[in-house]
C-alpha atoms as a PDB file:
ATOM      1  CA  UNK A   1       0.000   0.000   0.000  1.00  0.00           C
ATOM      2  CA  UNK A   2       1.236   3.475  -0.859  1.00  0.00           C
ATOM      3  CA  UNK A   3       1.269   6.286   1.713  1.00  0.00           C
ATOM      4  CA  UNK A   4      -0.649   9.499   1.015  1.00  0.00           C
ATOM      5  CA  UNK A   5       1.724  12.439   1.543  1.00  0.00           C
ATOM      6  CA  UNK A   6      -0.719  15.196   0.614  1.00  0.00           C
ATOM      7  CA  UNK A   7      -4.333  15.195  -0.601  1.00  0.00           C
ATOM      8  CA  UNK A   8      -6.936  17.846  -1.381  1.00  0.00           C
ATOM      9  CA  UNK A   9     -10.389  17.621  -2.930  1.00  0.00           C
ATOM     10  CA  UNK A  10     -12.812  20.508  -3.186  1.00  0.00           C
ATOM     11  CA  UNK A  11     -13.030  24.146  -4.253  1.00  0.00           C
ATOM     12  CA  UNK A  12     -11.321  26.360  -1.657  1.00  0.00           C
ATOM     13  CA  UNK A  13      -7.604  25.983  -2.205  1.00  0.00           C
ATOM     14  CA  UNK A  14      -6.773  28.793   0.188  1.00  0.00           C
ATOM     15  CA  UNK A  15      -3.501  30.066   1.678  1.00  0.00           C
ATOM     16  CA  UNK A  16      -3.464  27.285   4.291  1.00  0.00           C
ATOM     17  CA  UNK A  17      -3.704  24.625   1.582  1.00  0.00           C
ATOM     18  CA  UNK A  18      -0.947  26.325  -0.417  1.00  0.00           C
ATOM     19  CA  UNK A  19       1.283  26.281   2.684  1.00  0.00           C
ATOM     20  CA  UNK A  20       0.500  22.615   3.359  1.00  0.00           C
ATOM     21  CA  UNK A  21       1.228  21.644  -0.239  1.00  0.00           C
ATOM     22  CA  UNK A  22       4.538  23.549  -0.203  1.00  0.00           C
ATOM     23  CA  UNK A  23       5.487  21.974   3.127  1.00  0.00           C
ATOM     24  CA  UNK A  24       4.724  18.507   1.769  1.00  0.00           C
ATOM     25  CA  UNK A  25       6.929  19.029  -1.282  1.00  0.00           C
ATOM     26  CA  UNK A  26       9.698  20.509   0.890  1.00  0.00           C
ATOM     27  CA  UNK A  27       9.557  17.641   3.350  1.00  0.00           C
ATOM     28  CA  UNK A  28       9.242  14.754   0.901  1.00  0.00           C
ATOM     29  CA  UNK A  29      11.351  16.030  -2.006  1.00  0.00           C
ATOM     30  CA  UNK A  30      13.175  19.357  -1.545  1.00  0.00           C
ATOM     31  CA  UNK A  31      12.498  23.018  -0.817  1.00  0.00           C
ATOM     32  CA  UNK A  32      10.598  24.641  -3.686  1.00  0.00           C
ATOM     33  CA  UNK A  33       7.821  27.112  -4.493  1.00  0.00           C
ATOM     34  CA  UNK A  34       4.648  25.409  -5.682  1.00  0.00           C
ATOM     35  CA  UNK A  35       1.681  26.774  -7.605  1.00  0.00           C
ATOM     36  CA  UNK A  36      -1.608  24.962  -8.230  1.00  0.00           C
ATOM     37  CA  UNK A  37      -3.631  26.204 -11.212  1.00  0.00           C
ATOM     38  CA  UNK A  38      -7.283  25.198 -11.170  1.00  0.00           C
ATOM     39  CA  UNK A  39      -8.880  24.190 -14.461  1.00  0.00           C
ATOM     40  CA  UNK A  40     -12.327  23.815 -12.952  1.00  0.00           C
ATOM     41  CA  UNK A  41     -14.103  24.786  -9.760  1.00  0.00           C
ATOM     42  CA  UNK A  42     -13.951  21.355  -8.103  1.00  0.00           C
ATOM     43  CA  UNK A  43     -10.580  19.657  -8.384  1.00  0.00           C
ATOM     44  CA  UNK A  44      -8.425  16.953  -6.817  1.00  0.00           C
ATOM     45  CA  UNK A  45      -4.684  16.754  -6.162  1.00  0.00           C
ATOM     46  CA  UNK A  46      -2.578  14.194  -4.302  1.00  0.00           C
ATOM     47  CA  UNK A  47       1.003  13.074  -3.719  1.00  0.00           C
ATOM     48  CA  UNK A  48       1.635   9.495  -2.591  1.00  0.00           C
ATOM     49  CA  UNK A  49       4.687   7.323  -2.013  1.00  0.00           C
ATOM     50  CA  UNK A  50       5.742   3.684  -1.862  1.00  0.00           C
ATOM     51  CA  UNK A  51       9.142   2.292  -0.856  1.00  0.00           C
ATOM     52  CA  UNK A  52      11.296  -0.315  -2.572  1.00  0.00           C
ATOM     53  CA  UNK A  53      13.903  -0.914   0.096  1.00  0.00           C
ATOM     54  CA  UNK A  54      15.446   2.503   0.756  1.00  0.00           C
ATOM     55  CA  UNK A  55      14.363   3.923  -2.636  1.00  0.00           C
ATOM     56  CA  UNK A  56      11.086   5.891  -2.733  1.00  0.00           C
ATOM     57  CA  UNK A  57       8.771   5.727  -5.743  1.00  0.00           C
ATOM     58  CA  UNK A  58       6.188   8.532  -5.694  1.00  0.00           C
ATOM     59  CA  UNK A  59       3.014   9.333  -7.597  1.00  0.00           C
ATOM     60  CA  UNK A  60       1.478  12.728  -8.365  1.00  0.00           C
ATOM     61  CA  UNK A  61      -2.151  12.790  -9.490  1.00  0.00           C
ATOM     62  CA  UNK A  62      -4.502  15.649 -10.244  1.00  0.00           C
ATOM     63  CA  UNK A  63      -7.962  16.019 -11.739  1.00  0.00           C
ATOM     64  CA  UNK A  64      -8.992  19.459 -12.933  1.00  0.00           C
ATOM     65  CA  UNK A  65      -5.729  21.137 -11.941  1.00  0.00           C
ATOM     66  CA  UNK A  66      -2.123  21.605 -13.012  1.00  0.00           C
ATOM     67  CA  UNK A  67       0.890  22.183 -10.778  1.00  0.00           C
ATOM     68  CA  UNK A  68       4.146  24.051 -11.159  1.00  0.00           C
ATOM     69  CA  UNK A  69       7.186  23.602  -8.903  1.00  0.00           C
ATOM     70  CA  UNK A  70      10.097  26.048  -9.022  1.00  0.00           C
ATOM     71  CA  UNK A  71      13.366  25.492  -7.176  1.00  0.00           C
ATOM     72  CA  UNK A  72      15.568  28.559  -6.858  1.00  0.00           C
ATOM     73  CA  UNK A  73      19.296  29.001  -6.292  1.00  0.00           C
ATOM     74  CA  UNK A  74      18.515  30.285  -2.776  1.00  0.00           C
ATOM     75  CA  UNK A  75      16.654  27.094  -1.933  1.00  0.00           C
ATOM     76  CA  UNK A  76      19.519  25.039  -3.347  1.00  0.00           C
ATOM     77  CA  UNK A  77      22.014  26.864  -1.123  1.00  0.00           C
ATOM     78  CA  UNK A  78      19.885  26.015   1.925  1.00  0.00           C
ATOM     79  CA  UNK A  79      19.842  22.293   1.094  1.00  0.00           C
ATOM     80  CA  UNK A  80      22.452  19.607   1.549  1.00  0.00           C
ATOM     81  CA  UNK A  81      20.944  16.491  -0.020  1.00  0.00           C
ATOM     82  CA  UNK A  82      21.354  15.990  -3.762  1.00  0.00           C
ATOM     83  CA  UNK A  83      18.847  13.743  -5.474  1.00  0.00           C
ATOM     84  CA  UNK A  84      17.801  12.956  -9.017  1.00  0.00           C
ATOM     85  CA  UNK A  85      14.201  12.250  -9.974  1.00  0.00           C
ATOM     86  CA  UNK A  86      13.283   9.879 -12.792  1.00  0.00           C
ATOM     87  CA  UNK A  87       9.969  11.151 -14.215  1.00  0.00           C
ATOM     88  CA  UNK A  88       7.495   8.683 -15.748  1.00  0.00           C
ATOM     89  CA  UNK A  89       4.279  10.329 -17.078  1.00  0.00           C
ATOM     90  CA  UNK A  90       1.277   8.020 -17.478  1.00  0.00           C
ATOM     91  CA  UNK A  91      -1.518  10.549 -18.109  1.00  0.00           C
ATOM     92  CA  UNK A  92      -0.905  14.079 -19.319  1.00  0.00           C
ATOM     93  CA  UNK A  93       2.630  15.462 -19.461  1.00  0.00           C
ATOM     94  CA  UNK A  94       5.544  16.801 -17.430  1.00  0.00           C
ATOM     95  CA  UNK A  95       7.538  19.814 -18.672  1.00  0.00           C
ATOM     96  CA  UNK A  96      11.002  20.116 -17.127  1.00  0.00           C
ATOM     97  CA  UNK A  97      13.196  23.198 -17.488  1.00  0.00           C
ATOM     98  CA  UNK A  98      16.770  22.935 -16.227  1.00  0.00           C
ATOM     99  CA  UNK A  99      20.309  23.828 -17.348  1.00  0.00           C
ATOM    100  CA  UNK A 100      19.004  25.957 -20.241  1.00  0.00           C
ATOM    101  CA  UNK A 101      16.856  23.178 -21.692  1.00  0.00           C
ATOM    102  CA  UNK A 102      13.115  22.483 -21.688  1.00  0.00           C
ATOM    103  CA  UNK A 103      11.584  19.068 -22.344  1.00  0.00           C
ATOM    104  CA  UNK A 104       7.907  18.136 -22.414  1.00  0.00           C
ATOM    105  CA  UNK A 105       7.641  14.463 -21.547  1.00  0.00           C
ATOM    106  CA  UNK A 106       4.527  12.380 -22.218  1.00  0.00           C
ATOM    107  CA  UNK A 107       3.559   8.728 -21.893  1.00  0.00           C
ATOM    108  CA  UNK A 108       6.169   6.598 -23.624  1.00  0.00           C
ATOM    109  CA  UNK A 109       9.060   8.777 -22.490  1.00  0.00           C
ATOM    110  CA  UNK A 110      11.046   9.406 -19.302  1.00  0.00           C
ATOM    111  CA  UNK A 111      13.266  12.246 -18.116  1.00  0.00           C
ATOM    112  CA  UNK A 112      15.694  13.169 -15.333  1.00  0.00           C
ATOM    113  CA  UNK A 113      15.872  16.230 -13.099  1.00  0.00           C
ATOM    114  CA  UNK A 114      18.420  17.222 -10.446  1.00  0.00           C
ATOM    115  CA  UNK A 115      17.888  18.983  -7.108  1.00  0.00           C
ATOM    116  CA  UNK A 116      21.266  20.748  -7.322  1.00  0.00           C
ATOM    117  CA  UNK A 117      20.420  23.162 -10.178  1.00  0.00           C
ATOM    118  CA  UNK A 118      17.607  25.682 -10.602  1.00  0.00           C
ATOM    119  CA  UNK A 119      14.547  23.824 -11.773  1.00  0.00           C
ATOM    120  CA  UNK A 120      10.974  24.269 -12.980  1.00  0.00           C
ATOM    121  CA  UNK A 121       8.588  21.327 -13.354  1.00  0.00           C
ATOM    122  CA  UNK A 122       5.068  21.871 -14.689  1.00  0.00           C
ATOM    123  CA  UNK A 123       2.415  19.182 -15.071  1.00  0.00           C
ATOM    124  CA  UNK A 124      -0.055  19.071 -17.939  1.00  0.00           C
ATOM    125  CA  UNK A 125      -3.374  17.237 -18.132  1.00  0.00           C
ATOM    126  CA  UNK A 126      -4.887  15.026 -20.818  1.00  0.00           C
ATOM    127  CA  UNK A 127      -8.182  15.550 -22.640  1.00  0.00           C
ATOM    128  CA  UNK A 128     -10.084  14.515 -19.501  1.00  0.00           C
ATOM    129  CA  UNK A 129      -8.181  17.096 -17.414  1.00  0.00           C
ATOM    130  CA  UNK A 130      -6.329  14.343 -15.559  1.00  0.00           C
ATOM    131  CA  UNK A 131      -2.651  13.979 -14.764  1.00  0.00           C
ATOM    132  CA  UNK A 132      -0.713  11.021 -13.348  1.00  0.00           C
ATOM    133  CA  UNK A 133       3.051  10.728 -13.180  1.00  0.00           C
ATOM    134  CA  UNK A 134       5.524   8.705 -11.131  1.00  0.00           C
ATOM    135  CA  UNK A 135       8.898   9.773  -9.766  1.00  0.00           C
ATOM    136  CA  UNK A 136      11.725   7.444  -8.746  1.00  0.00           C
ATOM    137  CA  UNK A 137      14.111   9.118  -6.297  1.00  0.00           C
ATOM    138  CA  UNK A 138      17.537   7.975  -7.460  1.00  0.00           C
ATOM    139  CA  UNK A 139      20.449   8.603  -5.058  1.00  0.00           C
ATOM    140  CA  UNK A 140      23.032  10.931  -6.586  1.00  0.00           C
ATOM    141  CA  UNK A 141      25.899   8.447  -6.414  1.00  0.00           C
ATOM    142  CA  UNK A 142      24.064   5.980  -8.654  1.00  0.00           C
ATOM    143  CA  UNK A 143      23.459   8.613 -11.329  1.00  0.00           C
ATOM    144  CA  UNK A 144      27.002   9.996 -11.096  1.00  0.00           C
ATOM    145  CA  UNK A 145      28.546   6.554 -11.316  1.00  0.00           C
ATOM    146  CA  UNK A 146      26.562   5.762 -14.466  1.00  0.00           C
ATOM    147  CA  UNK A 147      26.667   9.117 -16.281  1.00  0.00           C
ATOM    148  CA  UNK A 148      29.909  11.025 -16.782  1.00  0.00           C
ATOM    149  CA  UNK A 149      28.136  14.430 -16.833  1.00  0.00           C
ATOM    150  CA  UNK A 150      24.695  14.033 -15.209  1.00  0.00           C
ATOM    151  CA  UNK A 151      23.697  17.675 -15.830  1.00  0.00           C
ATOM    152  CA  UNK A 152      23.841  17.016 -19.559  1.00  0.00           C
ATOM    153  CA  UNK A 153      21.146  14.346 -19.198  1.00  0.00           C
ATOM    154  CA  UNK A 154      18.596  16.419 -17.247  1.00  0.00           C
ATOM    155  CA  UNK A 155      15.553  17.962 -18.972  1.00  0.00           C
ATOM    156  CA  UNK A 156      15.936  15.639 -21.963  1.00  0.00           C
ATOM    157  CA  UNK A 157      13.260  13.157 -23.100  1.00  0.00           C
ATOM    158  CA  UNK A 158      14.274   9.513 -23.473  1.00  0.00           C
ATOM    159  CA  UNK A 159      12.033   6.914 -25.045  1.00  0.00           C
ATOM    160  CA  UNK A 160      10.649   4.232 -22.735  1.00  0.00           C
ATOM    161  CA  UNK A 161       8.863   2.294 -25.455  1.00  0.00           C
ATOM    162  CA  UNK A 162      11.552  -0.250 -26.289  1.00  0.00           C
ATOM    163  CA  UNK A 163      14.437  -2.193 -24.781  1.00  0.00           C
ATOM    164  CA  UNK A 164      15.823  -1.650 -21.302  1.00  0.00           C
ATOM    165  CA  UNK A 165      14.049   1.678 -20.804  1.00  0.00           C
ATOM    166  CA  UNK A 166      10.671   0.045 -21.352  1.00  0.00           C
ATOM    167  CA  UNK A 167      11.468  -2.809 -18.969  1.00  0.00           C
ATOM    168  CA  UNK A 168      12.699  -0.375 -16.300  1.00  0.00           C
ATOM    169  CA  UNK A 169       9.662   1.927 -16.563  1.00  0.00           C
ATOM    170  CA  UNK A 170       7.234  -0.983 -16.252  1.00  0.00           C
ATOM    171  CA  UNK A 171       9.236  -2.370 -13.327  1.00  0.00           C
ATOM    172  CA  UNK A 172       9.050   0.961 -11.453  1.00  0.00           C
ATOM    173  CA  UNK A 173       5.259   1.137 -11.866  1.00  0.00           C
ATOM    174  CA  UNK A 174       4.872  -2.480 -10.737  1.00  0.00           C
ATOM    175  CA  UNK A 175       7.065  -1.859  -7.685  1.00  0.00           C
ATOM    176  CA  UNK A 176       4.992   1.178  -6.720  1.00  0.00           C
ATOM    177  CA  UNK A 177       1.974  -1.138  -6.461  1.00  0.00           C
ATOM    178  CA  UNK A 178       3.588  -4.313  -5.155  1.00  0.00           C
ATOM    179  CA  UNK A 179       6.732  -3.438  -3.158  1.00  0.00           C
ATOM    180  CA  UNK A 180       4.856  -3.367   0.157  1.00  0.00           C
ATOM    181  CA  UNK A 181       3.755  -6.955  -0.465  1.00  0.00           C
ATOM    182  CA  UNK A 182       7.351  -8.086  -1.019  1.00  0.00           C
ATOM    183  CA  UNK A 183      10.287  -8.554   1.303  1.00  0.00           C
ATOM    184  CA  UNK A 184      12.504  -5.501   1.537  1.00  0.00           C
ATOM    185  CA  UNK A 185      15.626  -7.087   0.050  1.00  0.00           C
ATOM    186  CA  UNK A 186      13.809  -8.255  -3.077  1.00  0.00           C
ATOM    187  CA  UNK A 187      12.095  -4.938  -3.795  1.00  0.00           C
ATOM    188  CA  UNK A 188      15.339  -3.030  -3.191  1.00  0.00           C
ATOM    189  CA  UNK A 189      17.306  -5.317  -5.497  1.00  0.00           C
ATOM    190  CA  UNK A 190      14.681  -4.910  -8.225  1.00  0.00           C
ATOM    191  CA  UNK A 191      14.481  -1.120  -8.071  1.00  0.00           C
ATOM    192  CA  UNK A 192      18.281  -0.760  -8.110  1.00  0.00           C
ATOM    193  CA  UNK A 193      18.447  -3.149 -11.043  1.00  0.00           C
ATOM    194  CA  UNK A 194      15.762  -1.088 -12.798  1.00  0.00           C
ATOM    195  CA  UNK A 195      17.699   2.146 -12.261  1.00  0.00           C
ATOM    196  CA  UNK A 196      20.888   0.495 -13.532  1.00  0.00           C
ATOM    197  CA  UNK A 197      19.058  -0.887 -16.598  1.00  0.00           C
ATOM    198  CA  UNK A 198      17.513   2.488 -17.392  1.00  0.00           C
ATOM    199  CA  UNK A 199      20.811   4.346 -17.068  1.00  0.00           C
ATOM    200  CA  UNK A 200      22.592   1.814 -19.255  1.00  0.00           C
ATOM    201  CA  UNK A 201      19.920   2.333 -21.920  1.00  0.00           C
ATOM    202  CA  UNK A 202      20.358   6.109 -21.655  1.00  0.00           C
ATOM    203  CA  UNK A 203      24.132   5.712 -21.936  1.00  0.00           C
ATOM    204  CA  UNK A 204      23.767   3.641 -25.097  1.00  0.00           C
ATOM    205  CA  UNK A 205      21.348   6.175 -26.575  1.00  0.00           C
ATOM    206  CA  UNK A 206      23.672   9.096 -25.820  1.00  0.00           C
ATOM    207  CA  UNK A 207      27.000   7.331 -26.300  1.00  0.00           C
ATOM    208  CA  UNK A 208      28.156   7.894 -22.703  1.00  0.00           C
ATOM    209  CA  UNK A 209      30.607   5.507 -21.010  1.00  0.00           C
ATOM    210  CA  UNK A 210      29.512   3.945 -17.729  1.00  0.00           C
ATOM    211  CA  UNK A 211      31.768   4.035 -14.654  1.00  0.00           C
ATOM    212  CA  UNK A 212      32.502   1.148 -12.297  1.00  0.00           C
ATOM    213  CA  UNK A 213      33.042   2.251  -8.700  1.00  0.00           C
ATOM    214  CA  UNK A 214      34.568  -0.150  -6.193  1.00  0.00           C
ATOM    215  CA  UNK A 215      32.494  -2.226  -3.826  1.00  0.00           C
ATOM    216  CA  UNK A 216      33.559  -0.178  -0.801  1.00  0.00           C
ATOM    217  CA  UNK A 217      32.380   3.073  -2.406  1.00  0.00           C
ATOM    218  CA  UNK A 218      29.051   1.499  -3.352  1.00  0.00           C
ATOM    219  CA  UNK A 219      28.447   0.232   0.169  1.00  0.00           C
ATOM    220  CA  UNK A 220      29.435   3.585   1.694  1.00  0.00           C
ATOM    221  CA  UNK A 221      27.091   5.485  -0.577  1.00  0.00           C
ATOM    222  CA  UNK A 222      24.266   3.056   0.144  1.00  0.00           C
ATOM    223  CA  UNK A 223      24.803   3.652   3.866  1.00  0.00           C
ATOM    224  CA  UNK A 224      24.915   7.444   3.430  1.00  0.00           C
ATOM    225  CA  UNK A 225      21.755   7.347   1.306  1.00  0.00           C
ATOM    226  CA  UNK A 226      19.987   5.282   3.942  1.00  0.00           C
ATOM    227  CA  UNK A 227      20.992   7.708   6.705  1.00  0.00           C
ATOM    228  CA  UNK A 228      19.889  10.681   4.603  1.00  0.00           C
ATOM    229  CA  UNK A 229      16.458   9.161   4.020  1.00  0.00           C
ATOM    230  CA  UNK A 230      15.977   7.794   7.558  1.00  0.00           C
ATOM    231  CA  UNK A 231      17.760  10.184   9.931  1.00  0.00           C
ATOM    232  CA  UNK A 232      14.397  11.385  11.294  1.00  0.00           C
ATOM    233  CA  UNK A 233      13.684   7.897  12.702  1.00  0.00           C
ATOM    234  CA  UNK A 234      14.035   8.340  16.506  1.00  0.00           C
ATOM    235  CA  UNK A 235      14.779   4.612  16.872  1.00  0.00           C
ATOM    236  CA  UNK A 236      17.611   4.563  14.320  1.00  0.00           C
ATOM    237  CA  UNK A 237      20.650   2.671  15.638  1.00  0.00           C
ATOM    238  CA  UNK A 238      23.863   1.322  14.162  1.00  0.00           C
ATOM    239  CA  UNK A 239      22.351  -2.175  14.278  1.00  0.00           C
ATOM    240  CA  UNK A 240      19.220  -1.059  12.415  1.00  0.00           C
ATOM    241  CA  UNK A 241      21.205   0.839   9.769  1.00  0.00           C
ATOM    242  CA  UNK A 242      23.673  -2.008   9.268  1.00  0.00           C
ATOM    243  CA  UNK A 243      20.852  -4.538   8.930  1.00  0.00           C
ATOM    244  CA  UNK A 244      19.055  -2.362   6.367  1.00  0.00           C
ATOM    245  CA  UNK A 245      22.285  -1.967   4.346  1.00  0.00           C
ATOM    246  CA  UNK A 246      23.163  -5.659   4.679  1.00  0.00           C
ATOM    247  CA  UNK A 247      26.520  -5.060   6.369  1.00  0.00           C
ATOM    248  CA  UNK A 248      27.891  -5.697   9.858  1.00  0.00           C
ATOM    249  CA  UNK A 249      27.987  -2.934  12.479  1.00  0.00           C
ATOM    250  CA  UNK A 250      31.770  -3.274  12.515  1.00  0.00           C
ATOM    251  CA  UNK A 251      31.913  -2.666   8.769  1.00  0.00           C
ATOM    252  CA  UNK A 252      29.498   0.273   9.172  1.00  0.00           C
ATOM    253  CA  UNK A 253      31.920   1.956  11.582  1.00  0.00           C
ATOM    254  CA  UNK A 254      34.824   1.169   9.239  1.00  0.00           C
ATOM    255  CA  UNK A 255      33.051   2.820   6.277  1.00  0.00           C
ATOM    256  CA  UNK A 256      32.220   5.974   8.234  1.00  0.00           C
ATOM    257  CA  UNK A 257      35.698   6.155   9.747  1.00  0.00           C
ATOM    258  CA  UNK A 258      37.108   6.222   6.222  1.00  0.00           C
ATOM    259  CA  UNK A 259      34.907   9.258   5.590  1.00  0.00           C
ATOM    260  CA  UNK A 260      36.260  10.924   8.731  1.00  0.00           C
ATOM    261  CA  UNK A 261      33.125  10.707  10.831  1.00  0.00           C
ATOM    262  CA  UNK A 262      31.261   8.503  13.304  1.00  0.00           C
ATOM    263  CA  UNK A 263      27.717   7.177  13.146  1.00  0.00           C
ATOM    264  CA  UNK A 264      26.205   9.374  15.840  1.00  0.00           C
ATOM    265  CA  UNK A 265      28.094  12.482  14.694  1.00  0.00           C
ATOM    266  CA  UNK A 266      26.789  11.997  11.158  1.00  0.00           C
ATOM    267  CA  UNK A 267      23.277  11.279  12.417  1.00  0.00           C
ATOM    268  CA  UNK A 268      23.070  14.371  14.653  1.00  0.00           C
ATOM    269  CA  UNK A 269      24.517  16.546  11.882  1.00  0.00           C
ATOM    270  CA  UNK A 270      21.776  15.349   9.531  1.00  0.00           C
ATOM    271  CA  UNK A 271      19.018  15.853  12.100  1.00  0.00           C
ATOM    272  CA  UNK A 272      20.175  19.323  13.139  1.00  0.00           C
ATOM    273  CA  UNK A 273      20.655  20.375   9.523  1.00  0.00           C
ATOM    274  CA  UNK A 274      17.119  19.251   8.683  1.00  0.00           C
ATOM    275  CA  UNK A 275      15.770  21.110  11.731  1.00  0.00           C
ATOM    276  CA  UNK A 276      17.619  24.308  10.730  1.00  0.00           C
ATOM    277  CA  UNK A 277      16.120  24.197   7.223  1.00  0.00           C
ATOM    278  CA  UNK A 278      12.617  23.631   8.562  1.00  0.00           C
ATOM    279  CA  UNK A 279      12.941  26.492  11.037  1.00  0.00           C
ATOM    280  CA  UNK A 280      14.151  28.779   8.240  1.00  0.00           C
ATOM    281  CA  UNK A 281      11.387  27.851   5.797  1.00  0.00           C
ATOM    282  CA  UNK A 282       8.524  30.436   5.767  1.00  0.00           C
ATOM    283  CA  UNK A 283       6.038  27.798   4.590  1.00  0.00           C
ATOM    284  CA  UNK A 284       6.595  25.940   7.878  1.00  0.00           C
ATOM    285  CA  UNK A 285       6.271  28.974  10.161  1.00  0.00           C
ATOM    286  CA  UNK A 286       3.127  27.555  11.791  1.00  0.00           C
ATOM    287  CA  UNK A 287       4.898  24.368  12.795  1.00  0.00           C
ATOM    288  CA  UNK A 288       5.956  24.533  16.440  1.00  0.00           C
ATOM    289  CA  UNK A 289       9.535  24.002  17.532  1.00  0.00           C
ATOM    290  CA  UNK A 290       8.451  20.863  19.387  1.00  0.00           C
ATOM    291  CA  UNK A 291       6.845  19.489  16.215  1.00  0.00           C
ATOM    292  CA  UNK A 292      10.050  20.103  14.268  1.00  0.00           C
ATOM    293  CA  UNK A 293      12.063  18.450  17.036  1.00  0.00           C
ATOM    294  CA  UNK A 294       9.987  15.266  16.885  1.00  0.00           C
ATOM    295  CA  UNK A 295       9.851  15.334  13.061  1.00  0.00           C
ATOM    296  CA  UNK A 296      13.653  15.331  12.864  1.00  0.00           C
ATOM    297  CA  UNK A 297      14.203  12.406  15.216  1.00  0.00           C
ATOM    298  CA  UNK A 298      14.551  14.008  18.658  1.00  0.00           C
ATOM    299  CA  UNK A 299      12.623  12.394  21.487  1.00  0.00           C
ATOM    300  CA  UNK A 300      12.113  15.625  23.443  1.00  0.00           C
ATOM    301  CA  UNK A 301      12.039  19.327  22.622  1.00  0.00           C
ATOM    302  CA  UNK A 302      14.371  20.063  25.563  1.00  0.00           C
ATOM    303  CA  UNK A 303      17.039  17.700  24.215  1.00  0.00           C
ATOM    304  CA  UNK A 304      16.578  19.239  20.761  1.00  0.00           C
ATOM    305  CA  UNK A 305      17.021  22.795  22.064  1.00  0.00           C
ATOM    306  CA  UNK A 306      20.193  21.883  23.971  1.00  0.00           C
ATOM    307  CA  UNK A 307      21.717  20.080  21.005  1.00  0.00           C
ATOM    308  CA  UNK A 308      20.737  22.880  18.619  1.00  0.00           C
ATOM    309  CA  UNK A 309      22.328  25.590  20.777  1.00  0.00           C
ATOM    310  CA  UNK A 310      25.467  23.506  21.329  1.00  0.00           C
ATOM    311  CA  UNK A 311      25.866  22.927  17.585  1.00  0.00           C
ATOM    312  CA  UNK A 312      24.869  26.312  16.161  1.00  0.00           C
ATOM    313  CA  UNK A 313      25.478  28.657  19.106  1.00  0.00           C
ATOM    314  CA  UNK A 314      21.872  29.884  19.140  1.00  0.00           C
ATOM    315  CA  UNK A 315      18.499  28.549  20.250  1.00  0.00           C
ATOM    316  CA  UNK A 316      15.885  27.284  17.766  1.00  0.00           C
ATOM    317  CA  UNK A 317      13.577  30.195  18.699  1.00  0.00           C
ATOM    318  CA  UNK A 318      16.346  32.793  18.197  1.00  0.00           C
ATOM    319  CA  UNK A 319      17.328  31.239  14.911  1.00  0.00           C
ATOM    320  CA  UNK A 320      13.731  31.284  13.618  1.00  0.00           C
ATOM    321  CA  UNK A 321      13.378  34.947  14.602  1.00  0.00           C
ATOM    322  CA  UNK A 322      16.584  35.806  12.724  1.00  0.00           C
ATOM    323  CA  UNK A 323      15.384  34.305   9.450  1.00  0.00           C
ATOM    324  CA  UNK A 324      13.925  37.613   8.356  1.00  0.00           C
ATOM    325  CA  UNK A 325      17.505  38.904   8.197  1.00  0.00           C
ATOM    326  CA  UNK A 326      18.360  36.386   5.478  1.00  0.00           C
ATOM    327  CA  UNK A 327      20.022  33.756   7.670  1.00  0.00           C
ATOM    328  CA  UNK A 328      21.187  30.671   5.727  1.00  0.00           C
ATOM    329  CA  UNK A 329      22.172  27.235   6.965  1.00  0.00           C
ATOM    330  CA  UNK A 330      25.871  27.239   7.859  1.00  0.00           C
ATOM    331  CA  UNK A 331      28.059  24.838   5.935  1.00  0.00           C
END
């Protein structure tokens, strides 16, 4: 079963709904400015997500409305995670503008977008005013290992009607529906195989040479991706992370030591960084500090406040108040 991330049905898409929709996109994808354009008085819009191992596959559906998402250079500077989205339109279209290119992608094609460059994504509807598209969140290291210059592959349409691209696209849609009925290891292996198959097909189409990173680098990146996607889990431990990444806890510590960090240091850095960005985001101004504390993996607001002040030299409340002065997340 997929999880509904955001859903609206009705007529009054007021300022509160706009804020909720923006917050949902910021929380589940990345910080961006979102616009919903009604095509008729009553309309429906929803974002949902399913998981294949640690890889999320999302769905965006609308009836009687189109959406536009813009990601600015300011929002990029305030973010740390880099992700690539694989777009698969099923009904209507997706128009992606990035790196000086614009591509309108319809059923039978796929496209890539990156979170690390200014971006505009607009959805289009079909003749029945409906839109449905799927997005596979591909960790950056997978894309970078397969494509020598990933930016040159964003906002370009690639056919998904034949060969490996067709197999991969169908696999992603099947996993969205069935992954929750499978064991984690199987669904994760399938989605990673699908991403690899798709990227190989893109490489062949564009004449790009694939790269072959070592096993240690692959395992490290898988661990870092898992921590990035799950750092808000208050019950996250070295044992849980190692089990999810199919490595021993000893090897987990070895991988992180090679990166110059320790598990808990990396985890707290990720949690505090996420909290800083949420406190600085105007769309989340109605969220209380306690809510942000719990949403980022802290078990108490008092512990959160102490850790935040110790790390950044200011309290969460003081930091939120300073945002009007253009405060950005320190690197």
